[in-house]
């Protein structure tokens, strides 16, 4: 199937109409995410991010729905009450950001959207609110660093997931100064531009150094990918596998990794590392796929032998991120 932005927008509208017909609890459906950008396609694919607002609580907060083998919906289900406190949403980078960053309304049962968005967006880009959103990420990164340095998180994929989460929070603390936070696939691609916009391209190297090393080559990617694919396939039989790693998202991640591996290996590695570590948490430790993840971590010097040095690097990174936020706030008061 040939994929372009116009085709995906039409699919978004068609599927929103079907959902609205089938579910009378829906108040509004709006489109957010990469499809709002002029160049949403990465590796020949992108997803369709929808936020469904309901008049009552839903059993499933997030679902991945297949359209074709190459296209899927990533749907967040929220209730109207989520939007009852506009002041709180102005410091919420994800939910507040999604409604304030020019989403496309695909369905509306009542005149809900414009009024709600106006209340949230009124002071969303006020410098103190922008800084508060950025600081919420860096504060969480600091809390994670503290837990890691005190070794209160056991060794294994959970500890590595928390470590990578701290890096992600540092990156999004900076990214959220000029826009929406960046998801896994877009972080390595869009972050350099976000850093340039705030005058801190110097921080890119420090972020990358926390998970990258000079031994990484295209041949390394080629050796890792078969085991990664086996891991993604193994998740099909695991009931508590992460929703974000649904079987319909394998190509979504794989094609991005392959497209970036030659020219932007750090961006490709981030996607590979984040998804594989998330999957490793639910893999049986006796399985070959789990052992392959352990070998991969060792290649990246993220194993227990090197972990204390890695954690120390996070401490320095958070200090630099906090300084950048303070500098931004002072210059935008």
C-alpha atoms as a PDB file:
ATOM      1  CA  UNK A   1       0.000   0.000   0.000  1.00  0.00           C
ATOM      2  CA  UNK A   2       1.340   3.420  -0.970  1.00  0.00           C
ATOM      3  CA  UNK A   3       1.354   5.675   2.065  1.00  0.00           C
ATOM      4  CA  UNK A   4       1.364   9.457   2.142  1.00  0.00           C
ATOM      5  CA  UNK A   5       0.005  12.108   4.481  1.00  0.00           C
ATOM      6  CA  UNK A   6      -3.240  12.662   2.545  1.00  0.00           C
ATOM      7  CA  UNK A   7      -4.074   8.944   2.541  1.00  0.00           C
ATOM      8  CA  UNK A   8      -3.421   8.709   6.263  1.00  0.00           C
ATOM      9  CA  UNK A   9      -5.559  11.772   7.014  1.00  0.00           C
ATOM     10  CA  UNK A  10      -8.442  10.221   5.065  1.00  0.00           C
ATOM     11  CA  UNK A  11      -8.017   6.980   7.006  1.00  0.00           C
ATOM     12  CA  UNK A  12      -8.066   8.961  10.253  1.00  0.00           C
ATOM     13  CA  UNK A  13     -11.365  10.624   9.282  1.00  0.00           C
ATOM     14  CA  UNK A  14     -12.964   7.368   8.142  1.00  0.00           C
ATOM     15  CA  UNK A  15     -12.023   5.493  11.284  1.00  0.00           C
ATOM     16  CA  UNK A  16     -13.087   8.337  13.555  1.00  0.00           C
ATOM     17  CA  UNK A  17     -16.509   8.301  11.886  1.00  0.00           C
ATOM     18  CA  UNK A  18     -16.802   4.535  12.440  1.00  0.00           C
ATOM     19  CA  UNK A  19     -15.861   4.845  16.101  1.00  0.00           C
ATOM     20  CA  UNK A  20     -18.310   7.685  16.671  1.00  0.00           C
ATOM     21  CA  UNK A  21     -21.139   5.664  15.139  1.00  0.00           C
ATOM     22  CA  UNK A  22     -20.355   2.601  17.262  1.00  0.00           C
ATOM     23  CA  UNK A  23     -19.625   4.324  20.600  1.00  0.00           C
ATOM     24  CA  UNK A  24     -22.167   6.834  21.899  1.00  0.00           C
ATOM     25  CA  UNK A  25     -19.999   7.734  24.896  1.00  0.00           C
ATOM     26  CA  UNK A  26     -17.705   9.703  22.594  1.00  0.00           C
ATOM     27  CA  UNK A  27     -17.718  13.469  23.004  1.00  0.00           C
ATOM     28  CA  UNK A  28     -14.796  14.303  20.728  1.00  0.00           C
ATOM     29  CA  UNK A  29     -12.060  12.654  18.648  1.00  0.00           C
ATOM     30  CA  UNK A  30      -9.031  14.666  17.647  1.00  0.00           C
ATOM     31  CA  UNK A  31      -5.865  13.882  15.747  1.00  0.00           C
ATOM     32  CA  UNK A  32      -2.470  14.610  17.260  1.00  0.00           C
ATOM     33  CA  UNK A  33       1.110  13.389  16.824  1.00  0.00           C
ATOM     34  CA  UNK A  34       3.411  13.242  13.815  1.00  0.00           C
ATOM     35  CA  UNK A  35       0.628  13.263  11.216  1.00  0.00           C
ATOM     36  CA  UNK A  36       0.110  16.962  11.980  1.00  0.00           C
ATOM     37  CA  UNK A  37       3.612  17.660  10.638  1.00  0.00           C
ATOM     38  CA  UNK A  38       4.505  18.240   7.005  1.00  0.00           C
ATOM     39  CA  UNK A  39       6.879  15.239   7.006  1.00  0.00           C
ATOM     40  CA  UNK A  40       5.362  12.585   9.281  1.00  0.00           C
ATOM     41  CA  UNK A  41       6.707   9.540   7.425  1.00  0.00           C
ATOM     42  CA  UNK A  42       9.798   7.798   8.819  1.00  0.00           C
ATOM     43  CA  UNK A  43      11.048   4.610   7.207  1.00  0.00           C
ATOM     44  CA  UNK A  44       8.026   4.675   4.904  1.00  0.00           C
ATOM     45  CA  UNK A  45       5.575   4.484   7.821  1.00  0.00           C
ATOM     46  CA  UNK A  46       3.883   6.452  10.544  1.00  0.00           C
ATOM     47  CA  UNK A  47       0.976   5.822  12.857  1.00  0.00           C
ATOM     48  CA  UNK A  48      -2.282   7.712  13.354  1.00  0.00           C
ATOM     49  CA  UNK A  49      -2.503   9.166  16.854  1.00  0.00           C
ATOM     50  CA  UNK A  50      -6.052   9.768  18.055  1.00  0.00           C
ATOM     51  CA  UNK A  51      -7.365  11.069  21.354  1.00  0.00           C
ATOM     52  CA  UNK A  52     -10.901   9.931  22.124  1.00  0.00           C
ATOM     53  CA  UNK A  53     -12.717  11.926  24.800  1.00  0.00           C
ATOM     54  CA  UNK A  54     -15.624  10.097  26.461  1.00  0.00           C
ATOM     55  CA  UNK A  55     -18.410  11.152  28.811  1.00  0.00           C
ATOM     56  CA  UNK A  56     -17.665   8.175  31.085  1.00  0.00           C
ATOM     57  CA  UNK A  57     -14.588   6.171  32.206  1.00  0.00           C
ATOM     58  CA  UNK A  58     -13.227   3.548  29.804  1.00  0.00           C
ATOM     59  CA  UNK A  59     -11.827   0.119  30.657  1.00  0.00           C
ATOM     60  CA  UNK A  60      -8.888   0.440  28.252  1.00  0.00           C
ATOM     61  CA  UNK A  61      -6.802   3.654  28.430  1.00  0.00           C
ATOM     62  CA  UNK A  62      -4.845   2.917  25.271  1.00  0.00           C
ATOM     63  CA  UNK A  63      -5.244   0.606  22.293  1.00  0.00           C
ATOM     64  CA  UNK A  64      -3.489  -0.146  19.021  1.00  0.00           C
ATOM     65  CA  UNK A  65      -5.881  -0.909  16.171  1.00  0.00           C
ATOM     66  CA  UNK A  66      -4.794  -2.388  12.860  1.00  0.00           C
ATOM     67  CA  UNK A  67      -5.982  -0.816   9.625  1.00  0.00           C
ATOM     68  CA  UNK A  68      -3.577  -2.592   7.263  1.00  0.00           C
ATOM     69  CA  UNK A  69      -0.290  -4.407   7.765  1.00  0.00           C
ATOM     70  CA  UNK A  70       1.455  -1.063   7.449  1.00  0.00           C
ATOM     71  CA  UNK A  71      -0.970   1.351   9.110  1.00  0.00           C
ATOM     72  CA  UNK A  72      -2.412   1.381  12.613  1.00  0.00           C
ATOM     73  CA  UNK A  73      -4.245   3.676  14.989  1.00  0.00           C
ATOM     74  CA  UNK A  74      -2.696   4.562  18.335  1.00  0.00           C
ATOM     75  CA  UNK A  75      -5.713   5.568  20.412  1.00  0.00           C
ATOM     76  CA  UNK A  76      -5.740   7.196  23.844  1.00  0.00           C
ATOM     77  CA  UNK A  77      -9.068   7.114  25.705  1.00  0.00           C
ATOM     78  CA  UNK A  78      -9.683  10.007  28.113  1.00  0.00           C
ATOM     79  CA  UNK A  79     -12.758  11.240  29.963  1.00  0.00           C
ATOM     80  CA  UNK A  80     -14.207  14.737  29.893  1.00  0.00           C
ATOM     81  CA  UNK A  81     -13.258  15.159  33.535  1.00  0.00           C
ATOM     82  CA  UNK A  82      -9.572  15.048  32.510  1.00  0.00           C
ATOM     83  CA  UNK A  83     -10.085  18.557  31.123  1.00  0.00           C
ATOM     84  CA  UNK A  84     -11.910  20.001  34.144  1.00  0.00           C
ATOM     85  CA  UNK A  85      -8.786  21.720  35.489  1.00  0.00           C
ATOM     86  CA  UNK A  86      -7.251  23.896  32.725  1.00  0.00           C
ATOM     87  CA  UNK A  87      -4.565  25.304  35.023  1.00  0.00           C
ATOM     88  CA  UNK A  88      -3.264  21.796  35.695  1.00  0.00           C
ATOM     89  CA  UNK A  89      -3.265  20.932  31.991  1.00  0.00           C
ATOM     90  CA  UNK A  90      -1.139  23.978  31.202  1.00  0.00           C
ATOM     91  CA  UNK A  91       1.728  22.240  32.978  1.00  0.00           C
ATOM     92  CA  UNK A  92       0.943  18.811  31.456  1.00  0.00           C
ATOM     93  CA  UNK A  93       3.262  18.347  28.489  1.00  0.00           C
ATOM     94  CA  UNK A  94       1.439  15.371  26.971  1.00  0.00           C
ATOM     95  CA  UNK A  95      -2.310  15.888  27.432  1.00  0.00           C
ATOM     96  CA  UNK A  96      -2.179  19.670  27.598  1.00  0.00           C
ATOM     97  CA  UNK A  97       0.288  19.767  24.732  1.00  0.00           C
ATOM     98  CA  UNK A  98      -1.855  17.536  22.530  1.00  0.00           C
ATOM     99  CA  UNK A  99      -4.873  19.836  22.758  1.00  0.00           C
ATOM    100  CA  UNK A 100      -2.869  23.058  22.424  1.00  0.00           C
ATOM    101  CA  UNK A 101      -0.609  22.145  19.483  1.00  0.00           C
ATOM    102  CA  UNK A 102      -3.165  22.597  16.687  1.00  0.00           C
ATOM    103  CA  UNK A 103      -4.834  19.173  16.628  1.00  0.00           C
ATOM    104  CA  UNK A 104      -7.417  18.287  13.968  1.00  0.00           C
ATOM    105  CA  UNK A 105     -10.932  17.644  15.253  1.00  0.00           C
ATOM    106  CA  UNK A 106     -12.366  14.594  13.492  1.00  0.00           C
ATOM    107  CA  UNK A 107     -15.599  14.232  15.466  1.00  0.00           C
ATOM    108  CA  UNK A 108     -17.495  16.338  17.977  1.00  0.00           C
ATOM    109  CA  UNK A 109     -20.864  15.448  19.490  1.00  0.00           C
ATOM    110  CA  UNK A 110     -21.357  18.811  21.185  1.00  0.00           C
ATOM    111  CA  UNK A 111     -19.496  22.119  21.029  1.00  0.00           C
ATOM    112  CA  UNK A 112     -16.878  20.865  23.442  1.00  0.00           C
ATOM    113  CA  UNK A 113     -13.513  21.241  21.787  1.00  0.00           C
ATOM    114  CA  UNK A 114     -13.177  24.987  21.114  1.00  0.00           C
ATOM    115  CA  UNK A 115     -14.275  26.004  24.596  1.00  0.00           C
ATOM    116  CA  UNK A 116     -12.051  23.415  26.287  1.00  0.00           C
ATOM    117  CA  UNK A 117      -9.017  24.199  24.166  1.00  0.00           C
ATOM    118  CA  UNK A 118      -9.420  27.932  24.700  1.00  0.00           C
ATOM    119  CA  UNK A 119      -9.364  27.462  28.473  1.00  0.00           C
ATOM    120  CA  UNK A 120      -6.201  25.354  28.389  1.00  0.00           C
ATOM    121  CA  UNK A 121      -4.365  27.254  25.651  1.00  0.00           C
ATOM    122  CA  UNK A 122      -4.927  30.720  27.149  1.00  0.00           C
ATOM    123  CA  UNK A 123      -1.662  30.659  29.095  1.00  0.00           C
ATOM    124  CA  UNK A 124      -0.139  27.420  27.839  1.00  0.00           C
ATOM    125  CA  UNK A 125       2.895  29.146  26.299  1.00  0.00           C
ATOM    126  CA  UNK A 126       3.435  31.495  29.224  1.00  0.00           C
ATOM    127  CA  UNK A 127       7.123  31.091  30.110  1.00  0.00           C
ATOM    128  CA  UNK A 128       6.424  29.952  33.661  1.00  0.00           C
ATOM    129  CA  UNK A 129       4.143  27.175  32.387  1.00  0.00           C
ATOM    130  CA  UNK A 130       6.634  26.117  29.714  1.00  0.00           C
ATOM    131  CA  UNK A 131       9.388  25.972  32.335  1.00  0.00           C
ATOM    132  CA  UNK A 132       7.124  24.038  34.698  1.00  0.00           C
ATOM    133  CA  UNK A 133       6.539  21.396  32.019  1.00  0.00           C
ATOM    134  CA  UNK A 134      10.261  21.143  31.327  1.00  0.00           C
ATOM    135  CA  UNK A 135      11.074  20.919  35.032  1.00  0.00           C
ATOM    136  CA  UNK A 136       8.551  18.128  35.536  1.00  0.00           C
ATOM    137  CA  UNK A 137      10.678  15.992  33.202  1.00  0.00           C
ATOM    138  CA  UNK A 138      14.027  16.939  34.740  1.00  0.00           C
ATOM    139  CA  UNK A 139      12.654  16.452  38.257  1.00  0.00           C
ATOM    140  CA  UNK A 140      11.538  12.937  37.402  1.00  0.00           C
ATOM    141  CA  UNK A 141      14.943  12.249  35.874  1.00  0.00           C
ATOM    142  CA  UNK A 142      16.574  13.367  39.130  1.00  0.00           C
ATOM    143  CA  UNK A 143      14.313  11.078  41.167  1.00  0.00           C
ATOM    144  CA  UNK A 144      15.226   8.163  38.897  1.00  0.00           C
ATOM    145  CA  UNK A 145      18.931   8.956  39.176  1.00  0.00           C
ATOM    146  CA  UNK A 146      18.628   8.939  42.960  1.00  0.00           C
ATOM    147  CA  UNK A 147      16.934   5.527  42.944  1.00  0.00           C
ATOM    148  CA  UNK A 148      19.591   4.160  40.588  1.00  0.00           C
ATOM    149  CA  UNK A 149      22.500   5.579  42.589  1.00  0.00           C
ATOM    150  CA  UNK A 150      21.082   4.096  45.801  1.00  0.00           C
ATOM    151  CA  UNK A 151      20.691   0.752  43.982  1.00  0.00           C
ATOM    152  CA  UNK A 152      17.065   0.464  45.091  1.00  0.00           C
ATOM    153  CA  UNK A 153      16.152  -0.910  41.656  1.00  0.00           C
ATOM    154  CA  UNK A 154      17.197  -4.497  41.063  1.00  0.00           C
ATOM    155  CA  UNK A 155      19.542  -5.450  38.221  1.00  0.00           C
ATOM    156  CA  UNK A 156      18.051  -6.437  34.904  1.00  0.00           C
ATOM    157  CA  UNK A 157      15.683  -4.917  32.348  1.00  0.00           C
ATOM    158  CA  UNK A 158      13.717  -2.909  34.926  1.00  0.00           C
ATOM    159  CA  UNK A 159      16.838  -1.053  36.041  1.00  0.00           C
ATOM    160  CA  UNK A 160      17.863  -0.411  32.460  1.00  0.00           C
ATOM    161  CA  UNK A 161      14.327   0.742  31.602  1.00  0.00           C
ATOM    162  CA  UNK A 162      14.490   3.286  34.428  1.00  0.00           C
ATOM    163  CA  UNK A 163      17.931   4.433  33.294  1.00  0.00           C
ATOM    164  CA  UNK A 164      16.700   4.954  29.732  1.00  0.00           C
ATOM    165  CA  UNK A 165      13.615   6.682  31.100  1.00  0.00           C
ATOM    166  CA  UNK A 166      15.874   9.210  32.832  1.00  0.00           C
ATOM    167  CA  UNK A 167      17.629   9.922  29.522  1.00  0.00           C
ATOM    168  CA  UNK A 168      14.265  10.275  27.818  1.00  0.00           C
ATOM    169  CA  UNK A 169      13.122  12.703  30.520  1.00  0.00           C
ATOM    170  CA  UNK A 170      16.268  14.798  30.103  1.00  0.00           C
ATOM    171  CA  UNK A 171      15.729  14.958  26.351  1.00  0.00           C
ATOM    172  CA  UNK A 172      12.058  15.858  26.674  1.00  0.00           C
ATOM    173  CA  UNK A 173      12.746  18.466  29.336  1.00  0.00           C
ATOM    174  CA  UNK A 174      14.653  20.299  26.611  1.00  0.00           C
ATOM    175  CA  UNK A 175      12.298  19.402  23.749  1.00  0.00           C
ATOM    176  CA  UNK A 176       9.236  20.663  25.626  1.00  0.00           C
ATOM    177  CA  UNK A 177      10.657  24.194  25.790  1.00  0.00           C
ATOM    178  CA  UNK A 178       9.667  24.667  22.143  1.00  0.00           C
ATOM    179  CA  UNK A 179       6.944  22.101  21.442  1.00  0.00           C
ATOM    180  CA  UNK A 180       5.429  18.752  22.254  1.00  0.00           C
ATOM    181  CA  UNK A 181       7.558  16.076  23.952  1.00  0.00           C
ATOM    182  CA  UNK A 182       9.050  13.577  21.509  1.00  0.00           C
ATOM    183  CA  UNK A 183       8.088   9.890  21.384  1.00  0.00           C
ATOM    184  CA  UNK A 184      10.585   7.059  20.874  1.00  0.00           C
ATOM    185  CA  UNK A 185      10.720   7.112  17.065  1.00  0.00           C
ATOM    186  CA  UNK A 186      11.011  10.877  16.731  1.00  0.00           C
ATOM    187  CA  UNK A 187      13.333  11.707  19.597  1.00  0.00           C
ATOM    188  CA  UNK A 188      16.647  11.130  17.845  1.00  0.00           C
ATOM    189  CA  UNK A 189      15.381  12.722  14.618  1.00  0.00           C
ATOM    190  CA  UNK A 190      13.742  15.881  15.955  1.00  0.00           C
ATOM    191  CA  UNK A 191      15.756  16.621  19.090  1.00  0.00           C
ATOM    192  CA  UNK A 192      18.743  18.265  17.301  1.00  0.00           C
ATOM    193  CA  UNK A 193      16.392  20.900  15.852  1.00  0.00           C
ATOM    194  CA  UNK A 194      14.777  21.495  19.237  1.00  0.00           C
ATOM    195  CA  UNK A 195      18.204  21.982  20.833  1.00  0.00           C
ATOM    196  CA  UNK A 196      19.221  24.398  18.097  1.00  0.00           C
ATOM    197  CA  UNK A 197      16.052  26.412  18.744  1.00  0.00           C
ATOM    198  CA  UNK A 198      17.054  26.985  22.378  1.00  0.00           C
ATOM    199  CA  UNK A 199      20.747  27.503  21.628  1.00  0.00           C
ATOM    200  CA  UNK A 200      21.955  24.287  23.260  1.00  0.00           C
ATOM    201  CA  UNK A 201      23.211  21.989  20.532  1.00  0.00           C
ATOM    202  CA  UNK A 202      26.114  21.338  22.900  1.00  0.00           C
ATOM    203  CA  UNK A 203      23.845  19.079  24.971  1.00  0.00           C
ATOM    204  CA  UNK A 204      23.237  16.574  22.172  1.00  0.00           C
ATOM    205  CA  UNK A 205      26.600  14.866  22.667  1.00  0.00           C
ATOM    206  CA  UNK A 206      26.018  14.476  26.391  1.00  0.00           C
ATOM    207  CA  UNK A 207      22.642  12.844  25.802  1.00  0.00           C
ATOM    208  CA  UNK A 208      23.952  10.437  23.191  1.00  0.00           C
ATOM    209  CA  UNK A 209      26.981   9.458  25.275  1.00  0.00           C
ATOM    210  CA  UNK A 210      24.702   8.058  27.992  1.00  0.00           C
ATOM    211  CA  UNK A 211      23.716   5.074  25.824  1.00  0.00           C
ATOM    212  CA  UNK A 212      26.064   5.029  22.812  1.00  0.00           C
ATOM    213  CA  UNK A 213      29.651   3.979  22.248  1.00  0.00           C
ATOM    214  CA  UNK A 214      32.106   4.124  19.376  1.00  0.00           C
ATOM    215  CA  UNK A 215      31.996   0.402  18.632  1.00  0.00           C
ATOM    216  CA  UNK A 216      28.571   0.706  16.983  1.00  0.00           C
ATOM    217  CA  UNK A 217      28.561   0.064  13.232  1.00  0.00           C
ATOM    218  CA  UNK A 218      26.008  -0.909  10.585  1.00  0.00           C
ATOM    219  CA  UNK A 219      27.311  -4.463  10.909  1.00  0.00           C
ATOM    220  CA  UNK A 220      26.376  -4.350  14.603  1.00  0.00           C
ATOM    221  CA  UNK A 221      22.827  -3.351  13.704  1.00  0.00           C
ATOM    222  CA  UNK A 222      22.640  -6.189  11.198  1.00  0.00           C
ATOM    223  CA  UNK A 223      23.744  -8.649  13.890  1.00  0.00           C
ATOM    224  CA  UNK A 224      21.245  -7.322  16.466  1.00  0.00           C
ATOM    225  CA  UNK A 225      18.136  -7.089  14.320  1.00  0.00           C
ATOM    226  CA  UNK A 226      17.345 -10.825  13.920  1.00  0.00           C
ATOM    227  CA  UNK A 227      17.271 -11.272  17.712  1.00  0.00           C
ATOM    228  CA  UNK A 228      15.180  -8.110  18.103  1.00  0.00           C
ATOM    229  CA  UNK A 229      12.684  -9.466  15.563  1.00  0.00           C
ATOM    230  CA  UNK A 230      12.482 -12.746  17.463  1.00  0.00           C
ATOM    231  CA  UNK A 231      11.787 -10.811  20.645  1.00  0.00           C
ATOM    232  CA  UNK A 232       8.975  -8.830  19.008  1.00  0.00           C
ATOM    233  CA  UNK A 233       7.497 -12.075  17.673  1.00  0.00           C
ATOM    234  CA  UNK A 234       7.700 -13.685  21.131  1.00  0.00           C
ATOM    235  CA  UNK A 235       5.550 -10.905  22.611  1.00  0.00           C
ATOM    236  CA  UNK A 236       2.515 -12.205  20.704  1.00  0.00           C
ATOM    237  CA  UNK A 237       2.176 -15.065  23.177  1.00  0.00           C
ATOM    238  CA  UNK A 238       2.737 -12.963  26.325  1.00  0.00           C
ATOM    239  CA  UNK A 239      -0.556 -11.605  27.749  1.00  0.00           C
ATOM    240  CA  UNK A 240       0.986  -8.708  29.678  1.00  0.00           C
ATOM    241  CA  UNK A 241       3.182  -7.474  26.814  1.00  0.00           C
ATOM    242  CA  UNK A 242       3.295  -3.646  26.599  1.00  0.00           C
ATOM    243  CA  UNK A 243       0.546  -2.096  24.469  1.00  0.00           C
ATOM    244  CA  UNK A 244       3.161   0.125  22.818  1.00  0.00           C
ATOM    245  CA  UNK A 245       4.846  -3.015  21.424  1.00  0.00           C
ATOM    246  CA  UNK A 246       1.717  -4.454  19.851  1.00  0.00           C
ATOM    247  CA  UNK A 247       2.398  -6.824  16.962  1.00  0.00           C
ATOM    248  CA  UNK A 248       0.998  -4.173  14.627  1.00  0.00           C
ATOM    249  CA  UNK A 249       3.874  -1.869  15.560  1.00  0.00           C
ATOM    250  CA  UNK A 250       6.771  -4.161  14.658  1.00  0.00           C
ATOM    251  CA  UNK A 251       7.177  -2.729  11.145  1.00  0.00           C
ATOM    252  CA  UNK A 252       6.601   0.783  12.526  1.00  0.00           C
ATOM    253  CA  UNK A 253       9.729   0.503  14.672  1.00  0.00           C
ATOM    254  CA  UNK A 254      11.778  -1.782  12.431  1.00  0.00           C
ATOM    255  CA  UNK A 255      11.567   0.406   9.350  1.00  0.00           C
ATOM    256  CA  UNK A 256      12.556   3.470  11.331  1.00  0.00           C
ATOM    257  CA  UNK A 257      15.609   1.673  12.741  1.00  0.00           C
ATOM    258  CA  UNK A 258      16.638   0.475   9.278  1.00  0.00           C
ATOM    259  CA  UNK A 259      16.111   3.895   7.685  1.00  0.00           C
ATOM    260  CA  UNK A 260      18.223   5.675  10.292  1.00  0.00           C
ATOM    261  CA  UNK A 261      20.992   3.127  10.914  1.00  0.00           C
ATOM    262  CA  UNK A 262      23.416   4.410   8.272  1.00  0.00           C
ATOM    263  CA  UNK A 263      23.168   8.189   8.600  1.00  0.00           C
ATOM    264  CA  UNK A 264      21.798   8.618  12.129  1.00  0.00           C
ATOM    265  CA  UNK A 265      22.958   5.554  14.050  1.00  0.00           C
ATOM    266  CA  UNK A 266      22.400   7.143  17.483  1.00  0.00           C
ATOM    267  CA  UNK A 267      18.743   7.831  16.594  1.00  0.00           C
ATOM    268  CA  UNK A 268      18.331   4.279  15.276  1.00  0.00           C
ATOM    269  CA  UNK A 269      19.987   2.809  18.351  1.00  0.00           C
ATOM    270  CA  UNK A 270      17.654   4.741  20.655  1.00  0.00           C
ATOM    271  CA  UNK A 271      14.596   3.114  19.051  1.00  0.00           C
ATOM    272  CA  UNK A 272      16.187  -0.333  19.144  1.00  0.00           C
ATOM    273  CA  UNK A 273      17.349   0.031  22.726  1.00  0.00           C
ATOM    274  CA  UNK A 274      14.103   1.441  24.124  1.00  0.00           C
ATOM    275  CA  UNK A 275      11.838  -1.136  22.475  1.00  0.00           C
ATOM    276  CA  UNK A 276      14.087  -4.129  23.192  1.00  0.00           C
ATOM    277  CA  UNK A 277      14.537  -3.181  26.851  1.00  0.00           C
ATOM    278  CA  UNK A 278      10.798  -2.660  27.285  1.00  0.00           C
ATOM    279  CA  UNK A 279      10.143  -6.082  25.759  1.00  0.00           C
ATOM    280  CA  UNK A 280      12.833  -7.761  27.879  1.00  0.00           C
ATOM    281  CA  UNK A 281      10.880  -7.003  31.050  1.00  0.00           C
ATOM    282  CA  UNK A 282       8.205  -9.556  30.175  1.00  0.00           C
ATOM    283  CA  UNK A 283      10.428 -12.203  28.549  1.00  0.00           C
ATOM    284  CA  UNK A 284      11.166 -15.451  30.429  1.00  0.00           C
ATOM    285  CA  UNK A 285      14.793 -15.195  31.537  1.00  0.00           C
ATOM    286  CA  UNK A 286      15.567 -18.680  30.322  1.00  0.00           C
ATOM    287  CA  UNK A 287      14.622 -17.805  26.738  1.00  0.00           C
ATOM    288  CA  UNK A 288      17.253 -17.180  24.076  1.00  0.00           C
ATOM    289  CA  UNK A 289      15.606 -13.866  23.227  1.00  0.00           C
ATOM    290  CA  UNK A 290      16.254 -12.606  26.767  1.00  0.00           C
ATOM    291  CA  UNK A 291      19.874 -13.764  26.610  1.00  0.00           C
ATOM    292  CA  UNK A 292      20.237 -11.941  23.301  1.00  0.00           C
ATOM    293  CA  UNK A 293      19.045  -8.736  24.978  1.00  0.00           C
ATOM    294  CA  UNK A 294      21.651  -9.258  27.733  1.00  0.00           C
ATOM    295  CA  UNK A 295      24.377  -9.618  25.111  1.00  0.00           C
ATOM    296  CA  UNK A 296      23.129  -6.472  23.365  1.00  0.00           C
ATOM    297  CA  UNK A 297      23.280  -4.544  26.667  1.00  0.00           C
ATOM    298  CA  UNK A 298      26.829  -5.734  27.212  1.00  0.00           C
ATOM    299  CA  UNK A 299      27.821  -4.498  23.745  1.00  0.00           C
ATOM    300  CA  UNK A 300      26.551  -1.057  24.726  1.00  0.00           C
ATOM    301  CA  UNK A 301      28.290  -1.146  28.123  1.00  0.00           C
ATOM    302  CA  UNK A 302      24.934  -0.973  29.891  1.00  0.00           C
ATOM    303  CA  UNK A 303      25.569  -4.163  31.839  1.00  0.00           C
ATOM    304  CA  UNK A 304      26.271  -4.313  35.587  1.00  0.00           C
ATOM    305  CA  UNK A 305      30.047  -3.976  35.051  1.00  0.00           C
ATOM    306  CA  UNK A 306      29.697  -0.477  33.589  1.00  0.00           C
ATOM    307  CA  UNK A 307      26.421   0.644  35.106  1.00  0.00           C
ATOM    308  CA  UNK A 308      27.770   2.786  37.942  1.00  0.00           C
ATOM    309  CA  UNK A 309      29.710   4.913  35.429  1.00  0.00           C
ATOM    310  CA  UNK A 310      26.575   5.271  33.319  1.00  0.00           C
ATOM    311  CA  UNK A 311      24.541   6.392  36.321  1.00  0.00           C
ATOM    312  CA  UNK A 312      27.176   8.997  37.197  1.00  0.00           C
ATOM    313  CA  UNK A 313      26.896  10.408  33.676  1.00  0.00           C
ATOM    314  CA  UNK A 314      23.153  10.920  34.221  1.00  0.00           C
ATOM    315  CA  UNK A 315      23.874  13.060  37.290  1.00  0.00           C
ATOM    316  CA  UNK A 316      26.027  15.443  35.228  1.00  0.00           C
ATOM    317  CA  UNK A 317      23.501  15.465  32.387  1.00  0.00           C
ATOM    318  CA  UNK A 318      20.598  16.472  34.654  1.00  0.00           C
ATOM    319  CA  UNK A 319      22.670  19.357  36.055  1.00  0.00           C
ATOM    320  CA  UNK A 320      23.277  20.648  32.540  1.00  0.00           C
ATOM    321  CA  UNK A 321      19.619  20.261  31.590  1.00  0.00           C
ATOM    322  CA  UNK A 322      18.491  22.204  34.657  1.00  0.00           C
ATOM    323  CA  UNK A 323      20.949  24.979  33.783  1.00  0.00           C
ATOM    324  CA  UNK A 324      19.580  25.122  30.229  1.00  0.00           C
ATOM    325  CA  UNK A 325      16.000  25.393  31.503  1.00  0.00           C
ATOM    326  CA  UNK A 326      16.963  28.210  33.869  1.00  0.00           C
ATOM    327  CA  UNK A 327      18.755  30.053  31.085  1.00  0.00           C
ATOM    328  CA  UNK A 328      15.736  29.668  28.801  1.00  0.00           C
ATOM    329  CA  UNK A 329      13.381  30.933  31.505  1.00  0.00           C
ATOM    330  CA  UNK A 330      15.546  33.975  32.259  1.00  0.00           C
ATOM    331  CA  UNK A 331      15.693  34.940  28.606  1.00  0.00           C
ATOM    332  CA  UNK A 332      11.936  34.462  28.076  1.00  0.00           C
ATOM    333  CA  UNK A 333      10.525  36.258  31.107  1.00  0.00           C
END
